[in-house]
Amino acid sequence: MMTPKNLFVVLALATLGGCSLMPKSLTLVTTQSTSTSKLAANDSLDATLWTQTAIEHDLVYREVYRLAEEKLLKALADPAWEALPKGERNGDTKGLSPAVIVDIDETVLDNSPFQARLIRDNAGFNELAWRVWCEQHTARALPGALEFAKFAAAHGVTMIYISNRAQSLAASTQQNLKEQGFPLAENEVTVFAAESTTPGCDEKSGEKGCRRKLVAQKHRILLMFGDQLGDFVDGSQATLAARRTLADSYKEWFGERWFALPNPTYGMWESAVTSHPATAALKADPRAAKRAALHEN
């Protein structure tokens, strides 16, 4: 989630796909002497194209959110139901109101137009361009997300939005959610950006555990949604093997309490390859590290 997610503030926040409103002077540095076909900045072309044009993309989102409606009713009927990761709940949930935690980028809002701008300009991720995009608050709701959010609100469940977008973008982000029709509680903060603080808890950059704990002081968490493993549990900024082990420890929760959505454009899955390669030579060449990570059988 871009944040996104500071989803690697150099790789990740590059949230995603197609619009051409941004002045070229604001969209990042291009490699003028390199042909478009060779530019690493365009590695996301197929991923962005799939996100924007494939009916399969929309079907997956709708399926996930529709299934989640059934699980939400099940969770509401079970007072012992809890979707927080192990160790993040202090005390019992008696008397706490129900809530659902969702990531924002590529979970409820579609930022693929931003990625399309980068592809158009043969550019890599640029924080200024990202800020301009966010402040336009024109990202649209992803398929099924708004319907689920309204379903949850209609059943007395508070929607909590935890994003790794910068705090300076919180107001624009909240405005974007509001304009898209997402329910926002009027009597409490429900949008938590990256710099949100939790007393007595130091949150590692890119993780969300402290903010989940803060929300859990008032709410029983029924379900969680995200497009990154880190949207559900801390510790995902690791090797491929460690990430798989972490996910396996919660494998019974996915599709039951946790709902993962597809994001082929950016994420910690990418930095797991480029930040933890087998050799120093591969670390110096991210594209070579990616190729080396491929399996032929």
Protein backbone atom coordinates (compact mmCIF):
# COMPACT_ATOMS: atom_id res chain seq x y z
CA MET A 1 0.00 0.00 0.00
CA MET A 2 2.48 2.82 -0.88
CA THR A 3 2.53 3.67 0.04
CA PRO A 4 2.13 4.01 -0.49
CA LYS A 5 3.30 2.85 1.11
CA ASN A 6 6.71 3.84 1.89
CA LEU A 7 6.73 0.47 0.62
CA PHE A 8 10.19 1.15 0.13
CA VAL A 9 10.33 4.70 -0.15
CA VAL A 10 12.55 4.29 -3.14
CA LEU A 11 10.93 1.39 -4.81
CA ALA A 12 7.60 1.07 -3.33
CA LEU A 13 5.65 4.14 -2.90
CA ALA A 14 5.60 4.04 -6.63
CA THR A 15 1.93 3.50 -6.69
CA LEU A 16 0.68 2.76 -10.03
CA GLY A 17 -1.06 3.35 -13.43
CA GLY A 18 -2.64 5.72 -16.18
CA CYS A 19 -3.46 9.44 -16.47
CA SER A 20 -1.65 12.32 -18.02
CA LEU A 21 -2.53 15.29 -15.89
CA MET A 22 0.92 15.79 -14.44
CA PRO A 23 3.16 18.44 -16.03
CA LYS A 24 6.26 16.76 -17.38
CA SER A 25 8.40 19.13 -15.37
CA LEU A 26 7.12 17.38 -12.24
CA THR A 27 7.46 13.77 -13.25
CA LEU A 28 10.99 12.63 -12.59
CA VAL A 29 14.26 12.38 -14.35
CA THR A 30 14.33 10.43 -17.59
CA THR A 31 17.18 8.66 -19.29
CA GLN A 32 17.23 10.56 -22.54
CA SER A 33 19.92 8.48 -24.23
CA THR A 34 18.29 5.11 -23.54
CA SER A 35 15.61 3.60 -25.75
CA THR A 36 12.19 3.16 -24.16
CA SER A 37 12.38 -0.62 -24.57
CA LYS A 38 15.47 -0.77 -22.35
CA LEU A 39 14.37 1.56 -19.58
CA ALA A 40 14.05 -0.11 -16.19
CA ALA A 41 11.38 2.49 -15.36
CA ASN A 42 9.07 0.69 -17.78
CA ASP A 43 9.44 -2.71 -16.14
CA SER A 44 5.98 -2.13 -14.68
CA LEU A 45 4.30 -1.75 -18.08
CA ASP A 46 2.64 -5.18 -18.12
CA ALA A 47 1.75 -5.01 -14.42
CA THR A 48 0.12 -1.61 -14.84
CA LEU A 49 -1.62 -2.66 -18.04
CA TRP A 50 -3.03 -5.73 -16.27
CA THR A 51 -4.20 -3.62 -13.36
CA GLN A 52 -6.04 -1.21 -15.63
CA THR A 53 -7.41 -3.42 -18.40
CA ALA A 54 -7.73 -7.05 -17.26
CA ILE A 55 -11.20 -8.09 -16.19
CA GLU A 56 -9.43 -10.76 -14.15
CA HIS A 57 -8.01 -8.02 -11.93
CA ASP A 58 -11.49 -6.69 -11.17
CA LEU A 59 -12.88 -10.17 -10.63
CA VAL A 60 -10.26 -11.01 -8.02
CA TYR A 61 -11.03 -7.85 -6.05
CA ARG A 62 -14.78 -8.42 -6.22
CA GLU A 63 -14.41 -12.05 -5.17
CA VAL A 64 -12.26 -11.15 -2.17
CA TYR A 65 -14.56 -8.41 -0.91
CA ARG A 66 -17.68 -10.48 -1.47
CA LEU A 67 -16.22 -13.39 0.51
CA ALA A 68 -15.22 -10.93 3.22
CA GLU A 69 -18.84 -9.87 3.73
CA GLU A 70 -19.69 -13.43 4.76
CA LYS A 71 -16.72 -13.60 7.10
CA LEU A 72 -17.65 -10.25 8.64
CA LEU A 73 -21.05 -11.56 9.68
CA LYS A 74 -19.39 -14.65 11.12
CA ALA A 75 -16.94 -12.49 13.06
CA LEU A 76 -19.67 -10.26 14.45
CA ALA A 77 -21.48 -13.30 15.83
CA ASP A 78 -18.38 -14.62 17.61
CA PRO A 79 -17.27 -12.52 20.63
CA ALA A 80 -13.92 -14.33 20.70
CA TRP A 81 -13.07 -13.49 17.09
CA GLU A 82 -9.85 -11.48 16.72
CA ALA A 83 -7.88 -10.55 13.59
CA LEU A 84 -4.89 -8.85 15.22
CA PRO A 85 -1.55 -10.68 14.87
CA LYS A 86 -0.38 -12.66 17.86
CA GLY A 87 1.04 -10.43 20.59
CA GLU A 88 -0.64 -7.19 19.50
CA ARG A 89 -3.67 -7.44 21.78
CA ASN A 90 -3.30 -6.24 25.37
CA GLY A 91 -6.25 -7.26 27.51
CA ASP A 92 -9.57 -8.69 26.41
CA THR A 93 -12.01 -7.32 23.85
CA LYS A 94 -15.05 -7.09 26.08
CA GLY A 95 -16.90 -3.84 25.55
CA LEU A 96 -14.88 -2.83 22.48
CA SER A 97 -16.70 -1.82 19.33
CA PRO A 98 -16.02 -3.82 16.14
CA ALA A 99 -13.74 -2.52 13.41
CA VAL A 100 -12.11 -3.56 10.17
CA ILE A 101 -8.58 -2.43 9.26
CA VAL A 102 -7.77 -1.77 5.61
CA ASP A 103 -4.67 -0.56 3.86
CA ILE A 104 -5.34 2.21 1.33
CA ASP A 105 -3.11 2.06 -1.75
CA GLU A 106 -3.99 -0.86 -4.04
CA THR A 107 -6.37 -2.13 -1.37
CA VAL A 108 -9.23 0.38 -1.48
CA LEU A 109 -7.82 3.08 -3.78
CA ASP A 110 -6.37 2.52 -7.25
CA ASN A 111 -3.22 4.53 -7.94
CA SER A 112 -2.44 2.92 -11.30
CA PRO A 113 -2.84 6.28 -13.09
CA PHE A 114 0.24 7.50 -11.21
CA GLN A 115 2.28 4.55 -12.44
CA ALA A 116 1.05 5.18 -15.98
CA ARG A 117 2.42 8.71 -15.75
CA LEU A 118 5.84 7.35 -14.87
CA ILE A 119 5.70 4.92 -17.79
CA ARG A 120 4.59 7.70 -20.12
CA ASP A 121 7.55 9.85 -19.08
CA ASN A 122 10.09 6.98 -18.98
CA ALA A 123 10.61 7.87 -15.34
CA GLY A 124 11.36 6.18 -12.07
CA PHE A 125 9.56 6.90 -8.82
CA ASN A 126 9.60 10.54 -7.76
CA GLU A 127 8.31 11.80 -4.42
CA LEU A 128 7.27 15.17 -5.82
CA ALA A 129 5.23 13.52 -8.58
CA TRP A 130 3.71 11.18 -5.99
CA ARG A 131 2.74 14.13 -3.80
CA VAL A 132 1.13 15.93 -6.73
CA TRP A 133 -0.88 12.79 -7.52
CA CYS A 134 -2.04 12.32 -3.93
CA GLU A 135 -2.99 15.97 -3.53
CA GLN A 136 -5.22 15.74 -6.59
CA HIS A 137 -7.18 13.09 -4.61
CA THR A 138 -8.51 11.51 -7.80
CA ALA A 139 -7.67 7.85 -7.09
CA ARG A 140 -10.78 5.74 -7.62
CA ALA A 141 -12.22 3.00 -5.47
CA LEU A 142 -11.09 -0.48 -6.40
CA PRO A 143 -13.75 -3.03 -7.44
CA GLY A 144 -15.73 -4.31 -4.48
CA ALA A 145 -13.95 -2.14 -1.91
CA LEU A 146 -16.60 0.55 -1.56
CA GLU A 147 -19.43 -1.98 -1.47
CA PHE A 148 -17.70 -3.86 1.33
CA ALA A 149 -16.96 -0.68 3.30
CA LYS A 150 -20.61 0.37 3.13
CA PHE A 151 -21.70 -3.16 4.09
CA ALA A 152 -19.44 -3.03 7.15
CA ALA A 153 -20.66 0.42 8.18
CA ALA A 154 -24.29 -0.69 7.79
CA HIS A 155 -23.58 -3.45 10.31
CA GLY A 156 -22.10 -1.06 12.87
CA VAL A 157 -18.47 -1.81 12.03
CA THR A 158 -15.97 1.07 11.94
CA MET A 159 -13.68 1.25 8.92
CA ILE A 160 -10.07 2.01 9.92
CA TYR A 161 -7.59 3.04 7.22
CA ILE A 162 -3.91 2.47 8.03
CA SER A 163 -1.55 3.69 5.32
CA ASN A 164 2.17 4.20 4.91
CA ARG A 165 1.55 7.44 3.09
CA ALA A 166 3.28 10.40 4.75
CA GLN A 167 1.42 12.33 7.44
CA SER A 168 1.59 15.43 5.24
CA LEU A 169 -0.66 13.60 2.77
CA ALA A 170 -3.22 12.53 5.37
CA ALA A 171 -5.70 15.33 4.66
CA SER A 172 -5.61 14.77 0.90
CA THR A 173 -5.93 11.03 1.44
CA GLN A 174 -8.95 11.47 3.70
CA GLN A 175 -10.51 13.80 1.14
CA ASN A 176 -9.95 11.22 -1.59
CA LEU A 177 -11.63 8.52 0.50
CA LYS A 178 -14.54 10.83 1.30
CA GLU A 179 -15.06 11.82 -2.32
CA GLN A 180 -15.11 8.17 -3.34
CA GLY A 181 -17.83 7.51 -0.78
CA PHE A 182 -15.88 5.52 1.82
CA PRO A 183 -17.38 5.74 5.33
CA LEU A 184 -15.33 7.87 7.73
CA ALA A 185 -16.29 8.04 11.39
CA GLU A 186 -17.04 11.58 12.56
CA ASN A 187 -16.22 11.09 16.24
CA GLU A 188 -12.73 9.57 15.97
CA VAL A 189 -9.62 9.43 13.83
CA THR A 190 -9.89 6.61 11.33
CA VAL A 191 -7.10 7.44 8.87
CA PHE A 192 -3.63 6.68 10.23
CA ALA A 193 -0.64 7.77 8.15
CA ALA A 194 3.00 6.70 8.50
CA GLU A 195 3.98 9.17 11.22
CA SER A 196 1.01 8.47 13.49
CA THR A 197 2.36 7.79 16.97
CA THR A 198 1.42 5.20 19.56
CA PRO A 199 2.59 6.03 23.11
CA GLY A 200 5.14 3.51 24.32
CA CYS A 201 5.52 1.85 20.94
CA ASP A 202 8.28 2.54 18.41
CA GLU A 203 7.21 1.60 14.92
CA LYS A 204 9.80 0.56 12.39
CA SER A 205 9.54 2.38 9.07
CA GLY A 206 7.18 0.55 6.76
CA GLU A 207 5.48 -1.44 9.50
CA LYS A 208 2.05 -0.93 11.05
CA GLY A 209 2.05 -2.86 14.32
CA CYS A 210 2.05 0.17 16.62
CA ARG A 211 -0.87 1.74 14.81
CA ARG A 212 -2.81 -1.51 14.95
CA LYS A 213 -2.21 -1.58 18.71
CA LEU A 214 -3.47 1.99 18.97
CA VAL A 215 -6.67 1.13 17.12
CA ALA A 216 -7.08 -2.01 19.24
CA GLN A 217 -7.40 0.12 22.38
CA LYS A 218 -10.89 1.08 21.22
CA HIS A 219 -11.87 -1.68 18.84
CA ARG A 220 -12.11 -5.42 18.40
CA ILE A 221 -10.56 -6.05 15.01
CA LEU A 222 -12.69 -8.41 12.94
CA LEU A 223 -10.90 -8.45 9.57
CA MET A 224 -7.85 -6.93 7.88
CA PHE A 225 -7.14 -6.20 4.22
CA GLY A 226 -3.97 -5.31 2.31
CA ASP A 227 -1.85 -5.83 -0.76
CA GLN A 228 1.37 -6.42 1.19
CA LEU A 229 2.25 -8.97 3.86
CA GLY A 230 3.27 -6.02 6.05
CA ASP A 231 -0.32 -4.82 6.07
CA PHE A 232 -1.13 -7.77 8.32
CA VAL A 233 1.95 -8.51 10.42
CA ASP A 234 5.31 -6.89 11.14
CA GLY A 235 8.55 -8.53 10.04
CA SER A 236 7.88 -8.74 6.31
CA GLN A 237 10.90 -6.65 5.33
CA ALA A 238 13.08 -9.74 5.08
CA THR A 239 14.34 -12.39 2.72
CA LEU A 240 12.03 -14.39 0.47
CA ALA A 241 12.38 -17.43 2.71
CA ALA A 242 11.68 -15.47 5.90
CA ARG A 243 8.62 -13.83 4.33
CA ARG A 244 7.25 -17.22 3.30
CA THR A 245 7.80 -18.60 6.80
CA LEU A 246 6.05 -15.59 8.32
CA ALA A 247 3.06 -15.97 6.01
CA ASP A 248 2.88 -19.72 6.63
CA SER A 249 2.55 -19.10 10.37
CA TYR A 250 -0.79 -17.41 9.62
CA LYS A 251 -1.88 -19.51 6.65
CA GLU A 252 -5.19 -20.43 8.29
CA TRP A 253 -6.06 -16.75 8.69
CA PHE A 254 -5.90 -15.76 5.03
CA GLY A 255 -9.36 -15.93 3.52
CA GLU A 256 -10.83 -16.10 7.02
CA ARG A 257 -9.60 -13.06 8.99
CA TRP A 258 -7.04 -11.60 6.58
CA PHE A 259 -7.61 -10.82 2.91
CA ALA A 260 -4.65 -10.25 0.57
CA LEU A 261 -5.15 -8.43 -2.73
CA PRO A 262 -2.87 -8.58 -5.79
CA ASN A 263 -0.29 -5.90 -6.56
CA PRO A 264 2.19 -6.93 -9.27
CA THR A 265 3.59 -3.42 -9.65
CA TYR A 266 5.54 -2.77 -6.44
CA GLY A 267 5.97 -4.05 -2.92
CA MET A 268 8.21 -5.72 -0.40
CA TRP A 269 8.12 -8.83 -2.60
CA GLU A 270 10.38 -6.87 -4.94
CA SER A 271 12.80 -5.54 -2.34
CA ALA A 272 13.02 -9.02 -0.82
CA VAL A 273 14.81 -9.97 -4.03
CA THR A 274 16.84 -6.82 -4.64
CA SER A 275 17.82 -6.11 -1.01
CA HIS A 276 18.78 -9.64 -0.02
CA PRO A 277 20.55 -11.15 -3.07
CA ALA A 278 22.94 -14.06 -2.92
CA THR A 279 26.02 -11.99 -3.79
CA ALA A 280 27.26 -8.42 -3.55
CA ALA A 281 27.37 -8.28 -7.35
CA LEU A 282 23.66 -8.99 -7.55
CA LYS A 283 22.93 -6.39 -4.89
CA ALA A 284 24.63 -3.83 -7.10
CA ASP A 285 22.44 -4.83 -10.05
CA PRO A 286 18.75 -5.13 -9.05
CA ARG A 287 17.68 -6.35 -12.49
CA ALA A 288 20.29 -9.10 -12.41
CA ALA A 289 19.08 -10.05 -8.92
CA LYS A 290 15.54 -10.37 -10.23
CA ARG A 291 16.63 -12.58 -13.11
CA ALA A 292 18.67 -14.74 -10.77
CA ALA A 293 15.58 -15.26 -8.59
CA LEU A 294 13.56 -16.77 -11.43
CA HIS A 295 12.90 -20.53 -11.52
CA GLU A 296 12.80 -22.58 -14.70
CA ASN A 297 11.26 -25.65 -13.10
